[in-house]
């Protein structure tokens, strides 16, 4: 993704509506980037180990931030996979997450790009 392409999954406008302050948005985006960087590999590791409970814990956390920072389509996808993680077999959850994971990775990249273009202390 080049610097000139608009984000696909990140919605700074939506975050501004929730938070109301540009510095607050940037601060929380920094936290979001760190969370995605830390938790996406842990989520995949949990699924690789058939640890549905561990995957649910991480997906539940991801579900919490998506309404603030993400476009509606990604919010719905995260909510759907998180709901599955409450009752699905590990193989079903792995398959569902395999479709979501690239979107979350794109979101992580979009957040990193936004932070690079709008640095905070």
PDB file of N, CA and C in Angstrom:
ATOM      1  N   UNK A   1       0.835  -1.162   0.000  1.00  0.00           N
ATOM      2  CA  UNK A   1       0.000   0.000   0.000  1.00  0.00           C
ATOM      3  C   UNK A   1       0.884   1.230   0.000  1.00  0.00           C
ATOM      4  N   UNK A   2       0.717   2.105  -0.953  1.00  0.00           N
ATOM      5  CA  UNK A   2       1.509   3.323  -1.014  1.00  0.00           C
ATOM      6  C   UNK A   2       0.882   4.370  -0.104  1.00  0.00           C
ATOM      7  N   UNK A   3       1.647   5.440   0.142  1.00  0.00           N
ATOM      8  CA  UNK A   3       1.159   6.500   1.021  1.00  0.00           C
ATOM      9  C   UNK A   3      -0.062   7.214   0.455  1.00  0.00           C
ATOM     10  N   UNK A   4      -0.239   7.172  -0.872  1.00  0.00           N
ATOM     11  CA  UNK A   4      -1.330   7.920  -1.483  1.00  0.00           C
ATOM     12  C   UNK A   4      -2.650   7.147  -1.489  1.00  0.00           C
ATOM     13  N   UNK A   5      -2.611   5.865  -1.235  1.00  0.00           N
ATOM     14  CA  UNK A   5      -3.841   5.073  -1.239  1.00  0.00           C
ATOM     15  C   UNK A   5      -4.595   5.274   0.072  1.00  0.00           C
ATOM     16  N   UNK A   6      -5.886   5.501  -0.006  1.00  0.00           N
ATOM     17  CA  UNK A   6      -6.647   5.637   1.240  1.00  0.00           C
ATOM     18  C   UNK A   6      -6.773   4.283   1.935  1.00  0.00           C
ATOM     19  N   UNK A   7      -6.923   4.312   3.242  1.00  0.00           N
ATOM     20  CA  UNK A   7      -7.082   3.046   3.972  1.00  0.00           C
ATOM     21  C   UNK A   7      -8.358   2.310   3.543  1.00  0.00           C
ATOM     22  N   UNK A   8      -8.295   1.009   3.618  1.00  0.00           N
ATOM     23  CA  UNK A   8      -9.445   0.167   3.309  1.00  0.00           C
ATOM     24  C   UNK A   8     -10.249  -0.113   4.580  1.00  0.00           C
ATOM     25  N   UNK A   9      -9.552  -0.407   5.676  1.00  0.00           N
ATOM     26  CA  UNK A   9     -10.209  -0.855   6.902  1.00  0.00           C
ATOM     27  C   UNK A   9     -10.168   0.166   8.041  1.00  0.00           C
ATOM     28  N   UNK A  10      -9.168   1.029   8.063  1.00  0.00           N
ATOM     29  CA  UNK A  10      -9.046   2.032   9.111  1.00  0.00           C
ATOM     30  C   UNK A  10      -9.960   3.217   8.805  1.00  0.00           C
ATOM     31  N   UNK A  11     -10.717   3.643   9.812  1.00  0.00           N
ATOM     32  CA  UNK A  11     -11.581   4.817   9.657  1.00  0.00           C
ATOM     33  C   UNK A  11     -11.228   5.834  10.740  1.00  0.00           C
ATOM     34  N   UNK A  12     -10.358   6.781  10.382  1.00  0.00           N
ATOM     35  CA  UNK A  12      -9.979   7.825  11.330  1.00  0.00           C
ATOM     36  C   UNK A  12     -11.185   8.722  11.621  1.00  0.00           C
ATOM     37  N   UNK A  13     -12.033   8.940  10.618  1.00  0.00           N
ATOM     38  CA  UNK A  13     -13.241   9.743  10.841  1.00  0.00           C
ATOM     39  C   UNK A  13     -14.130   9.106  11.914  1.00  0.00           C
ATOM     40  N   UNK A  14     -14.279   7.812  11.842  1.00  0.00           N
ATOM     41  CA  UNK A  14     -15.096   7.098  12.829  1.00  0.00           C
ATOM     42  C   UNK A  14     -14.475   7.232  14.218  1.00  0.00           C
ATOM     43  N   UNK A  15     -13.144   7.097  14.287  1.00  0.00           N
ATOM     44  CA  UNK A  15     -12.447   7.232  15.567  1.00  0.00           C
ATOM     45  C   UNK A  15     -12.629   8.638  16.135  1.00  0.00           C
ATOM     46  N   UNK A  16     -12.579   9.645  15.267  1.00  0.00           N
ATOM     47  CA  UNK A  16     -12.793  11.018  15.727  1.00  0.00           C
ATOM     48  C   UNK A  16     -14.201  11.196  16.284  1.00  0.00           C
ATOM     49  N   UNK A  17     -15.182  10.549  15.672  1.00  0.00           N
ATOM     50  CA  UNK A  17     -16.547  10.629  16.184  1.00  0.00           C
ATOM     51  C   UNK A  17     -16.636  10.038  17.592  1.00  0.00           C
ATOM     52  N   UNK A  18     -15.935   8.937  17.832  1.00  0.00           N
ATOM     53  CA  UNK A  18     -15.967   8.275  19.136  1.00  0.00           C
ATOM     54  C   UNK A  18     -15.145   9.036  20.170  1.00  0.00           C
ATOM     55  N   UNK A  19     -13.945   9.485  19.762  1.00  0.00           N
ATOM     56  CA  UNK A  19     -12.971  10.024  20.712  1.00  0.00           C
ATOM     57  C   UNK A  19     -13.020  11.548  20.766  1.00  0.00           C
ATOM     58  N   UNK A  20     -13.204  12.181  19.609  1.00  0.00           N
ATOM     59  CA  UNK A  20     -13.400  13.617  19.564  1.00  0.00           C
ATOM     60  C   UNK A  20     -12.148  14.471  19.622  1.00  0.00           C
ATOM     61  N   UNK A  21     -10.983  13.866  19.667  1.00  0.00           N
ATOM     62  CA  UNK A  21      -9.746  14.626  19.826  1.00  0.00           C
ATOM     63  C   UNK A  21      -8.651  13.966  18.987  1.00  0.00           C
ATOM     64  N   UNK A  22      -8.020  14.738  18.112  1.00  0.00           N
ATOM     65  CA  UNK A  22      -7.020  14.169  17.197  1.00  0.00           C
ATOM     66  C   UNK A  22      -5.851  13.541  17.944  1.00  0.00           C
ATOM     67  N   UNK A  23      -5.374  14.194  19.004  1.00  0.00           N
ATOM     68  CA  UNK A  23      -4.257  13.619  19.766  1.00  0.00           C
ATOM     69  C   UNK A  23      -4.679  12.340  20.479  1.00  0.00           C
ATOM     70  N   UNK A  24      -5.910  12.320  20.973  1.00  0.00           N
ATOM     71  CA  UNK A  24      -6.424  11.102  21.602  1.00  0.00           C
ATOM     72  C   UNK A  24      -6.517   9.959  20.614  1.00  0.00           C
ATOM     73  N   UNK A  25      -6.970  10.269  19.391  1.00  0.00           N
ATOM     74  CA  UNK A  25      -7.037   9.243  18.341  1.00  0.00           C
ATOM     75  C   UNK A  25      -5.650   8.709  18.042  1.00  0.00           C
ATOM     76  N   UNK A  26      -4.673   9.607  17.880  1.00  0.00           N
ATOM     77  CA  UNK A  26      -3.310   9.156  17.573  1.00  0.00           C
ATOM     78  C   UNK A  26      -2.735   8.314  18.701  1.00  0.00           C
ATOM     79  N   UNK A  27      -2.993   8.718  19.932  1.00  0.00           N
ATOM     80  CA  UNK A  27      -2.502   7.954  21.076  1.00  0.00           C
ATOM     81  C   UNK A  27      -3.104   6.551  21.103  1.00  0.00           C
ATOM     82  N   UNK A  28      -4.411   6.475  20.870  1.00  0.00           N
ATOM     83  CA  UNK A  28      -5.060   5.160  20.870  1.00  0.00           C
ATOM     84  C   UNK A  28      -4.678   4.335  19.641  1.00  0.00           C
ATOM     85  N   UNK A  29      -4.410   4.997  18.526  1.00  0.00           N
ATOM     86  CA  UNK A  29      -3.922   4.266  17.346  1.00  0.00           C
ATOM     87  C   UNK A  29      -2.562   3.636  17.623  1.00  0.00           C
ATOM     88  N   UNK A  30      -1.734   4.331  18.378  1.00  0.00           N
ATOM     89  CA  UNK A  30      -0.429   3.771  18.757  1.00  0.00           C
ATOM     90  C   UNK A  30      -0.630   2.500  19.583  1.00  0.00           C
ATOM     91  N   UNK A  31      -1.570   2.571  20.518  1.00  0.00           N
ATOM     92  CA  UNK A  31      -1.892   1.390  21.330  1.00  0.00           C
ATOM     93  C   UNK A  31      -2.471   0.280  20.461  1.00  0.00           C
ATOM     94  N   UNK A  32      -3.348   0.648  19.545  1.00  0.00           N
ATOM     95  CA  UNK A  32      -3.940  -0.339  18.641  1.00  0.00           C
ATOM     96  C   UNK A  32      -2.870  -1.031  17.812  1.00  0.00           C
ATOM     97  N   UNK A  33      -1.929  -0.262  17.282  1.00  0.00           N
ATOM     98  CA  UNK A  33      -0.871  -0.865  16.476  1.00  0.00           C
ATOM     99  C   UNK A  33      -0.066  -1.866  17.303  1.00  0.00           C
ATOM    100  N   UNK A  34       0.270  -1.503  18.529  1.00  0.00           N
ATOM    101  CA  UNK A  34       1.023  -2.409  19.390  1.00  0.00           C
ATOM    102  C   UNK A  34       0.206  -3.661  19.704  1.00  0.00           C
ATOM    103  N   UNK A  35      -1.080  -3.467  19.969  1.00  0.00           N
ATOM    104  CA  UNK A  35      -1.954  -4.611  20.266  1.00  0.00           C
ATOM    105  C   UNK A  35      -2.030  -5.565  19.077  1.00  0.00           C
ATOM    106  N   UNK A  36      -2.244  -5.018  17.884  1.00  0.00           N
ATOM    107  CA  UNK A  36      -2.305  -5.876  16.692  1.00  0.00           C
ATOM    108  C   UNK A  36      -0.981  -6.585  16.465  1.00  0.00           C
ATOM    109  N   UNK A  37       0.108  -5.859  16.631  1.00  0.00           N
ATOM    110  CA  UNK A  37       1.439  -6.453  16.421  1.00  0.00           C
ATOM    111  C   UNK A  37       1.691  -7.592  17.398  1.00  0.00           C
ATOM    112  N   UNK A  38       1.240  -7.430  18.633  1.00  0.00           N
ATOM    113  CA  UNK A  38       1.445  -8.460  19.658  1.00  0.00           C
ATOM    114  C   UNK A  38       0.433  -9.602  19.547  1.00  0.00           C
ATOM    115  N   UNK A  39      -0.844  -9.249  19.322  1.00  0.00           N
ATOM    116  CA  UNK A  39      -1.913 -10.237  19.462  1.00  0.00           C
ATOM    117  C   UNK A  39      -2.201 -11.063  18.217  1.00  0.00           C
ATOM    118  N   UNK A  40      -1.975 -10.526  17.026  1.00  0.00           N
ATOM    119  CA  UNK A  40      -2.258 -11.329  15.828  1.00  0.00           C
ATOM    120  C   UNK A  40      -1.397 -12.590  15.776  1.00  0.00           C
ATOM    121  N   UNK A  41      -0.092 -12.512  16.065  1.00  0.00           N
ATOM    122  CA  UNK A  41       0.681 -13.761  16.104  1.00  0.00           C
ATOM    123  C   UNK A  41       0.218 -14.711  17.219  1.00  0.00           C
ATOM    124  N   UNK A  42      -0.167 -14.150  18.377  1.00  0.00           N
ATOM    125  CA  UNK A  42      -0.660 -14.990  19.474  1.00  0.00           C
ATOM    126  C   UNK A  42      -1.969 -15.674  19.108  1.00  0.00           C
ATOM    127  N   UNK A  43      -2.816 -14.952  18.390  1.00  0.00           N
ATOM    128  CA  UNK A  43      -4.085 -15.527  17.940  1.00  0.00           C
ATOM    129  C   UNK A  43      -3.833 -16.695  16.994  1.00  0.00           C
ATOM    130  N   UNK A  44      -2.941 -16.502  16.044  1.00  0.00           N
ATOM    131  CA  UNK A  44      -2.624 -17.589  15.116  1.00  0.00           C
ATOM    132  C   UNK A  44      -2.008 -18.771  15.861  1.00  0.00           C
ATOM    133  N   UNK A  45      -1.147 -18.473  16.816  1.00  0.00           N
ATOM    134  CA  UNK A  45      -0.522 -19.534  17.619  1.00  0.00           C
ATOM    135  C   UNK A  45      -1.583 -20.318  18.395  1.00  0.00           C
ATOM    136  N   UNK A  46      -2.543 -19.614  18.977  1.00  0.00           N
ATOM    137  CA  UNK A  46      -3.629 -20.290  19.696  1.00  0.00           C
ATOM    138  C   UNK A  46      -4.393 -21.216  18.768  1.00  0.00           C
ATOM    139  N   UNK A  47      -4.709 -20.726  17.578  1.00  0.00           N
ATOM    140  CA  UNK A  47      -5.452 -21.555  16.617  1.00  0.00           C
ATOM    141  C   UNK A  47      -4.627 -22.740  16.155  1.00  0.00           C
ATOM    142  N   UNK A  48      -3.337 -22.522  15.964  1.00  0.00           N
ATOM    143  CA  UNK A  48      -2.462 -23.627  15.555  1.00  0.00           C
ATOM    144  C   UNK A  48      -2.408 -24.729  16.613  1.00  0.00           C
ATOM    145  N   UNK A  49      -2.636 -24.354  17.875  1.00  0.00           N
ATOM    146  CA  UNK A  49      -2.623 -25.308  18.991  1.00  0.00           C
ATOM    147  C   UNK A  49      -4.030 -25.793  19.347  1.00  0.00           C
ATOM    148  N   UNK A  50      -5.036 -25.448  18.514  1.00  0.00           N
ATOM    149  CA  UNK A  50      -6.435 -25.798  18.797  1.00  0.00           C
ATOM    150  C   UNK A  50      -6.928 -25.201  20.110  1.00  0.00           C
ATOM    151  N   UNK A  51      -6.353 -24.085  20.525  1.00  0.00           N
ATOM    152  CA  UNK A  51      -6.744 -23.401  21.760  1.00  0.00           C
ATOM    153  C   UNK A  51      -7.841 -22.388  21.432  1.00  0.00           C
ATOM    154  N   UNK A  52      -9.072 -22.874  21.351  1.00  0.00           N
ATOM    155  CA  UNK A  52     -10.203 -22.022  21.004  1.00  0.00           C
ATOM    156  C   UNK A  52     -10.454 -20.991  22.104  1.00  0.00           C
ATOM    157  N   UNK A  53     -10.281 -21.376  23.362  1.00  0.00           N
ATOM    158  CA  UNK A  53     -10.476 -20.435  24.468  1.00  0.00           C
ATOM    159  C   UNK A  53      -9.498 -19.267  24.359  1.00  0.00           C
ATOM    160  N   UNK A  54      -8.225 -19.566  24.106  1.00  0.00           N
ATOM    161  CA  UNK A  54      -7.219 -18.513  23.950  1.00  0.00           C
ATOM    162  C   UNK A  54      -7.524 -17.624  22.760  1.00  0.00           C
ATOM    163  N   UNK A  55      -7.976 -18.223  21.676  1.00  0.00           N
ATOM    164  CA  UNK A  55      -8.343 -17.457  20.488  1.00  0.00           C
ATOM    165  C   UNK A  55      -9.538 -16.564  20.786  1.00  0.00           C
ATOM    166  N   UNK A  56     -10.515 -17.084  21.518  1.00  0.00           N
ATOM    167  CA  UNK A  56     -11.693 -16.288  21.870  1.00  0.00           C
ATOM    168  C   UNK A  56     -11.312 -15.071  22.697  1.00  0.00           C
ATOM    169  N   UNK A  57     -10.411 -15.256  23.631  1.00  0.00           N
ATOM    170  CA  UNK A  57      -9.976 -14.136  24.490  1.00  0.00           C
ATOM    171  C   UNK A  57      -9.417 -13.001  23.631  1.00  0.00           C
ATOM    172  N   UNK A  58      -8.565 -13.342  22.665  1.00  0.00           N
ATOM    173  CA  UNK A  58      -7.961 -12.323  21.802  1.00  0.00           C
ATOM    174  C   UNK A  58      -9.000 -11.734  20.857  1.00  0.00           C
ATOM    175  N   UNK A  59      -9.826 -12.585  20.268  1.00  0.00           N
ATOM    176  CA  UNK A  59     -10.868 -12.084  19.361  1.00  0.00           C
ATOM    177  C   UNK A  59     -11.843 -11.157  20.095  1.00  0.00           C
ATOM    178  N   UNK A  60     -12.136 -11.475  21.343  1.00  0.00           N
ATOM    179  CA  UNK A  60     -13.039 -10.626  22.127  1.00  0.00           C
ATOM    180  C   UNK A  60     -12.425  -9.236  22.300  1.00  0.00           C
ATOM    181  N   UNK A  61     -11.132  -9.189  22.560  1.00  0.00           N
ATOM    182  CA  UNK A  61     -10.439  -7.912  22.693  1.00  0.00           C
ATOM    183  C   UNK A  61     -10.461  -7.153  21.363  1.00  0.00           C
ATOM    184  N   UNK A  62     -10.222  -7.863  20.262  1.00  0.00           N
ATOM    185  CA  UNK A  62     -10.256  -7.218  18.948  1.00  0.00           C
ATOM    186  C   UNK A  62     -11.651  -6.674  18.648  1.00  0.00           C
ATOM    187  N   UNK A  63     -12.662  -7.418  19.040  1.00  0.00           N
ATOM    188  CA  UNK A  63     -14.049  -6.987  18.828  1.00  0.00           C
ATOM    189  C   UNK A  63     -14.325  -5.677  19.550  1.00  0.00           C
ATOM    190  N   UNK A  64     -13.640  -5.436  20.641  1.00  0.00           N
ATOM    191  CA  UNK A  64     -13.845  -4.220  21.409  1.00  0.00           C
ATOM    192  C   UNK A  64     -13.361  -2.959  20.722  1.00  0.00           C
ATOM    193  N   UNK A  65     -12.274  -3.034  19.961  1.00  0.00           N
ATOM    194  CA  UNK A  65     -11.756  -1.822  19.345  1.00  0.00           C
ATOM    195  C   UNK A  65     -12.283  -1.581  17.936  1.00  0.00           C
ATOM    196  N   UNK A  66     -12.759  -2.622  17.268  1.00  0.00           N
ATOM    197  CA  UNK A  66     -13.142  -2.429  15.865  1.00  0.00           C
ATOM    198  C   UNK A  66     -14.244  -1.390  15.663  1.00  0.00           C
ATOM    199  N   UNK A  67     -15.258  -1.284  16.534  1.00  0.00           N
ATOM    200  CA  UNK A  67     -16.280  -0.266  16.275  1.00  0.00           C
ATOM    201  C   UNK A  67     -15.731   1.164  16.327  1.00  0.00           C
ATOM    202  N   UNK A  68     -14.625   1.362  17.021  1.00  0.00           N
ATOM    203  CA  UNK A  68     -14.039   2.694  17.153  1.00  0.00           C
ATOM    204  C   UNK A  68     -13.182   3.046  15.935  1.00  0.00           C
ATOM    205  N   UNK A  69     -12.409   2.082  15.435  1.00  0.00           N
ATOM    206  CA  UNK A  69     -11.369   2.390  14.453  1.00  0.00           C
ATOM    207  C   UNK A  69     -11.598   1.834  13.049  1.00  0.00           C
ATOM    208  N   UNK A  70     -12.603   1.010  12.865  1.00  0.00           N
ATOM    209  CA  UNK A  70     -12.691   0.263  11.608  1.00  0.00           C
ATOM    210  C   UNK A  70     -13.987   0.543  10.850  1.00  0.00           C
ATOM    211  N   UNK A  71     -13.912   0.309   9.546  1.00  0.00           N
ATOM    212  CA  UNK A  71     -15.107   0.418   8.718  1.00  0.00           C
ATOM    213  C   UNK A  71     -16.080  -0.706   9.104  1.00  0.00           C
ATOM    214  N   UNK A  72     -17.344  -0.484   8.801  1.00  0.00           N
ATOM    215  CA  UNK A  72     -18.400  -1.396   9.248  1.00  0.00           C
ATOM    216  C   UNK A  72     -18.197  -2.836   8.772  1.00  0.00           C
ATOM    217  N   UNK A  73     -17.741  -3.015   7.554  1.00  0.00           N
ATOM    218  CA  UNK A  73     -17.550  -4.370   7.035  1.00  0.00           C
ATOM    219  C   UNK A  73     -16.564  -5.184   7.860  1.00  0.00           C
ATOM    220  N   UNK A  74     -15.479  -4.550   8.301  1.00  0.00           N
ATOM    221  CA  UNK A  74     -14.509  -5.259   9.135  1.00  0.00           C
ATOM    222  C   UNK A  74     -15.077  -5.497  10.531  1.00  0.00           C
ATOM    223  N   UNK A  75     -15.813  -4.542  11.055  1.00  0.00           N
ATOM    224  CA  UNK A  75     -16.458  -4.717  12.363  1.00  0.00           C
ATOM    225  C   UNK A  75     -17.339  -5.967  12.319  1.00  0.00           C
ATOM    226  N   UNK A  76     -18.169  -6.064  11.293  1.00  0.00           N
ATOM    227  CA  UNK A  76     -19.078  -7.212  11.175  1.00  0.00           C
ATOM    228  C   UNK A  76     -18.321  -8.527  11.062  1.00  0.00           C
ATOM    229  N   UNK A  77     -17.212  -8.523  10.322  1.00  0.00           N
ATOM    230  CA  UNK A  77     -16.433  -9.744  10.147  1.00  0.00           C
ATOM    231  C   UNK A  77     -15.803 -10.170  11.479  1.00  0.00           C
ATOM    232  N   UNK A  78     -15.243  -9.214  12.223  1.00  0.00           N
ATOM    233  CA  UNK A  78     -14.645  -9.537  13.524  1.00  0.00           C
ATOM    234  C   UNK A  78     -15.721 -10.059  14.477  1.00  0.00           C
ATOM    235  N   UNK A  79     -16.875  -9.414  14.509  1.00  0.00           N
ATOM    236  CA  UNK A  79     -17.965  -9.848  15.392  1.00  0.00           C
ATOM    237  C   UNK A  79     -18.391 -11.279  15.042  1.00  0.00           C
ATOM    238  N   UNK A  80     -18.491 -11.574  13.758  1.00  0.00           N
ATOM    239  CA  UNK A  80     -18.896 -12.908  13.315  1.00  0.00           C
ATOM    240  C   UNK A  80     -17.887 -13.975  13.758  1.00  0.00           C
ATOM    241  N   UNK A  81     -16.609 -13.716  13.549  1.00  0.00           N
ATOM    242  CA  UNK A  81     -15.586 -14.710  13.913  1.00  0.00           C
ATOM    243  C   UNK A  81     -15.481 -14.829  15.432  1.00  0.00           C
ATOM    244  N   UNK A  82     -15.606 -13.710  16.137  1.00  0.00           N
ATOM    245  CA  UNK A  82     -15.562 -13.767  17.604  1.00  0.00           C
ATOM    246  C   UNK A  82     -16.735 -14.585  18.137  1.00  0.00           C
ATOM    247  N   UNK A  83     -17.917 -14.406  17.565  1.00  0.00           N
ATOM    248  CA  UNK A  83     -19.083 -15.193  17.996  1.00  0.00           C
ATOM    249  C   UNK A  83     -18.860 -16.674  17.735  1.00  0.00           C
ATOM    250  N   UNK A  84     -18.275 -16.982  16.588  1.00  0.00           N
ATOM    251  CA  UNK A  84     -17.963 -18.391  16.280  1.00  0.00           C
ATOM    252  C   UNK A  84     -17.030 -18.989  17.321  1.00  0.00           C
ATOM    253  N   UNK A  85     -16.096 -18.164  17.816  1.00  0.00           N
ATOM    254  CA  UNK A  85     -15.072 -18.677  18.734  1.00  0.00           C
ATOM    255  C   UNK A  85     -15.662 -19.122  20.067  1.00  0.00           C
ATOM    256  N   UNK A  86     -16.922 -18.793  20.306  1.00  0.00           N
ATOM    257  CA  UNK A  86     -17.577 -19.209  21.551  1.00  0.00           C
ATOM    258  C   UNK A  86     -18.097 -20.632  21.489  1.00  0.00           C
ATOM    259  N   UNK A  87     -18.246 -21.185  20.254  1.00  0.00           N
ATOM    260  CA  UNK A  87     -18.849 -22.512  20.157  1.00  0.00           C
ATOM    261  C   UNK A  87     -18.269 -23.387  19.053  1.00  0.00           C
ATOM    262  N   UNK A  88     -17.460 -22.832  18.171  1.00  0.00           N
ATOM    263  CA  UNK A  88     -16.995 -23.584  17.003  1.00  0.00           C
ATOM    264  C   UNK A  88     -15.868 -24.550  17.363  1.00  0.00           C
ATOM    265  N   UNK A  89     -15.743 -25.551  16.539  1.00  0.00           N
ATOM    266  CA  UNK A  89     -14.581 -26.435  16.612  1.00  0.00           C
ATOM    267  C   UNK A  89     -13.352 -25.651  16.152  1.00  0.00           C
ATOM    268  N   UNK A  90     -12.192 -26.073  16.601  1.00  0.00           N
ATOM    269  CA  UNK A  90     -10.951 -25.374  16.255  1.00  0.00           C
ATOM    270  C   UNK A  90     -10.755 -25.290  14.745  1.00  0.00           C
ATOM    271  N   UNK A  91     -11.073 -26.360  14.026  1.00  0.00           N
ATOM    272  CA  UNK A  91     -10.873 -26.362  12.570  1.00  0.00           C
ATOM    273  C   UNK A  91     -11.787 -25.343  11.879  1.00  0.00           C
ATOM    274  N   UNK A  92     -13.028 -25.216  12.377  1.00  0.00           N
ATOM    275  CA  UNK A  92     -13.963 -24.234  11.810  1.00  0.00           C
ATOM    276  C   UNK A  92     -13.489 -22.810  12.089  1.00  0.00           C
ATOM    277  N   UNK A  93     -13.013 -22.584  13.304  1.00  0.00           N
ATOM    278  CA  UNK A  93     -12.535 -21.265  13.680  1.00  0.00           C
ATOM    279  C   UNK A  93     -11.281 -20.901  12.891  1.00  0.00           C
ATOM    280  N   UNK A  94     -10.386 -21.862  12.711  1.00  0.00           N
ATOM    281  CA  UNK A  94      -9.174 -21.619  11.899  1.00  0.00           C
ATOM    282  C   UNK A  94      -9.550 -21.194  10.488  1.00  0.00           C
ATOM    283  N   UNK A  95     -10.518 -21.883   9.902  1.00  0.00           N
ATOM    284  CA  UNK A  95     -10.952 -21.558   8.540  1.00  0.00           C
ATOM    285  C   UNK A  95     -11.549 -20.152   8.477  1.00  0.00           C
ATOM    286  N   UNK A  96     -12.378 -19.807   9.450  1.00  0.00           N
ATOM    287  CA  UNK A  96     -12.990 -18.475   9.476  1.00  0.00           C
ATOM    288  C   UNK A  96     -11.926 -17.401   9.687  1.00  0.00           C
ATOM    289  N   UNK A  97     -10.991 -17.672  10.593  1.00  0.00           N
ATOM    290  CA  UNK A  97      -9.952 -16.686  10.875  1.00  0.00           C
ATOM    291  C   UNK A  97      -9.000 -16.521   9.682  1.00  0.00           C
ATOM    292  N   UNK A  98      -8.832 -17.564   8.907  1.00  0.00           N
ATOM    293  CA  UNK A  98      -7.930 -17.463   7.753  1.00  0.00           C
ATOM    294  C   UNK A  98      -8.421 -16.416   6.752  1.00  0.00           C
ATOM    295  N   UNK A  99      -9.728 -16.149   6.741  1.00  0.00           N
ATOM    296  CA  UNK A  99     -10.285 -15.106   5.876  1.00  0.00           C
ATOM    297  C   UNK A  99     -10.185 -13.719   6.523  1.00  0.00           C
ATOM    298  N   UNK A 100     -10.212 -13.686   7.847  1.00  0.00           N
ATOM    299  CA  UNK A 100     -10.136 -12.423   8.579  1.00  0.00           C
ATOM    300  C   UNK A 100      -8.705 -11.939   8.754  1.00  0.00           C
ATOM    301  N   UNK A 101      -7.775 -12.861   8.932  1.00  0.00           N
ATOM    302  CA  UNK A 101      -6.394 -12.497   9.249  1.00  0.00           C
ATOM    303  C   UNK A 101      -5.767 -11.515   8.255  1.00  0.00           C
ATOM    304  N   UNK A 102      -5.924 -11.709   6.945  1.00  0.00           N
ATOM    305  CA  UNK A 102      -5.318 -10.742   6.020  1.00  0.00           C
ATOM    306  C   UNK A 102      -5.913  -9.334   6.170  1.00  0.00           C
ATOM    307  N   UNK A 103      -7.179  -9.249   6.520  1.00  0.00           N
ATOM    308  CA  UNK A 103      -7.804  -7.944   6.726  1.00  0.00           C
ATOM    309  C   UNK A 103      -7.229  -7.264   7.962  1.00  0.00           C
ATOM    310  N   UNK A 104      -7.017  -8.030   9.028  1.00  0.00           N
ATOM    311  CA  UNK A 104      -6.434  -7.466  10.241  1.00  0.00           C
ATOM    312  C   UNK A 104      -4.985  -7.056  10.015  1.00  0.00           C
ATOM    313  N   UNK A 105      -4.271  -7.818   9.215  1.00  0.00           N
ATOM    314  CA  UNK A 105      -2.890  -7.452   8.901  1.00  0.00           C
ATOM    315  C   UNK A 105      -2.861  -6.174   8.063  1.00  0.00           C
ATOM    316  N   UNK A 106      -3.790  -6.042   7.134  1.00  0.00           N
ATOM    317  CA  UNK A 106      -3.888  -4.802   6.350  1.00  0.00           C
ATOM    318  C   UNK A 106      -4.211  -3.631   7.275  1.00  0.00           C
ATOM    319  N   UNK A 107      -5.119  -3.843   8.218  1.00  0.00           N
ATOM    320  CA  UNK A 107      -5.447  -2.806   9.193  1.00  0.00           C
ATOM    321  C   UNK A 107      -4.199  -2.398   9.967  1.00  0.00           C
ATOM    322  N   UNK A 108      -3.422  -3.358  10.408  1.00  0.00           N
ATOM    323  CA  UNK A 108      -2.193  -3.063  11.158  1.00  0.00           C
ATOM    324  C   UNK A 108      -1.263  -2.185  10.314  1.00  0.00           C
ATOM    325  N   UNK A 109      -1.115  -2.511   9.042  1.00  0.00           N
ATOM    326  CA  UNK A 109      -0.274  -1.729   8.139  1.00  0.00           C
ATOM    327  C   UNK A 109      -0.842  -0.322   7.942  1.00  0.00           C
ATOM    328  N   UNK A 110      -2.152  -0.235   7.810  1.00  0.00           N
ATOM    329  CA  UNK A 110      -2.789   1.072   7.650  1.00  0.00           C
ATOM    330  C   UNK A 110      -2.572   1.951   8.880  1.00  0.00           C
ATOM    331  N   UNK A 111      -2.683   1.356  10.064  1.00  0.00           N
ATOM    332  CA  UNK A 111      -2.448   2.105  11.300  1.00  0.00           C
ATOM    333  C   UNK A 111      -0.990   2.570  11.345  1.00  0.00           C
ATOM    334  N   UNK A 112      -0.062   1.683  11.013  1.00  0.00           N
ATOM    335  CA  UNK A 112       1.362   2.049  11.009  1.00  0.00           C
ATOM    336  C   UNK A 112       1.623   3.192  10.031  1.00  0.00           C
ATOM    337  N   UNK A 113       1.025   3.130   8.852  1.00  0.00           N
ATOM    338  CA  UNK A 113       1.194   4.196   7.864  1.00  0.00           C
ATOM    339  C   UNK A 113       0.631   5.512   8.376  1.00  0.00           C
ATOM    340  N   UNK A 114      -0.542   5.462   8.985  1.00  0.00           N
ATOM    341  CA  UNK A 114      -1.151   6.680   9.515  1.00  0.00           C
ATOM    342  C   UNK A 114      -0.270   7.294  10.608  1.00  0.00           C
ATOM    343  N   UNK A 115       0.252   6.453  11.491  1.00  0.00           N
ATOM    344  CA  UNK A 115       1.125   6.953  12.559  1.00  0.00           C
ATOM    345  C   UNK A 115       2.418   7.530  12.000  1.00  0.00           C
ATOM    346  N   UNK A 116       2.924   6.930  10.943  1.00  0.00           N
ATOM    347  CA  UNK A 116       4.152   7.441  10.324  1.00  0.00           C
ATOM    348  C   UNK A 116       3.903   8.822   9.708  1.00  0.00           C
ATOM    349  N   UNK A 117       2.734   9.005   9.119  1.00  0.00           N
ATOM    350  CA  UNK A 117       2.399  10.285   8.494  1.00  0.00           C
ATOM    351  C   UNK A 117       1.958  11.348   9.493  1.00  0.00           C
ATOM    352  N   UNK A 118       1.545  10.905  10.692  1.00  0.00           N
ATOM    353  CA  UNK A 118       1.072  11.819  11.751  1.00  0.00           C
ATOM    354  C   UNK A 118       1.758  11.453  13.068  1.00  0.00           C
ATOM    355  N   UNK A 119       3.058  11.699  13.160  1.00  0.00           N
ATOM    356  CA  UNK A 119       3.792  11.253  14.359  1.00  0.00           C
ATOM    357  C   UNK A 119       3.342  12.000  15.622  1.00  0.00           C
ATOM    358  N   UNK A 120       3.394  11.280  16.729  1.00  0.00           N
ATOM    359  CA  UNK A 120       3.134  11.886  18.043  1.00  0.00           C
ATOM    360  C   UNK A 120       4.318  11.550  18.935  1.00  0.00           C
ATOM    361  N   UNK A 121       4.453  12.279  20.007  1.00  0.00           N
ATOM    362  CA  UNK A 121       5.571  12.043  20.937  1.00  0.00           C
ATOM    363  C   UNK A 121       5.291  10.868  21.827  1.00  0.00           C
TER     364      UNK A 121
END
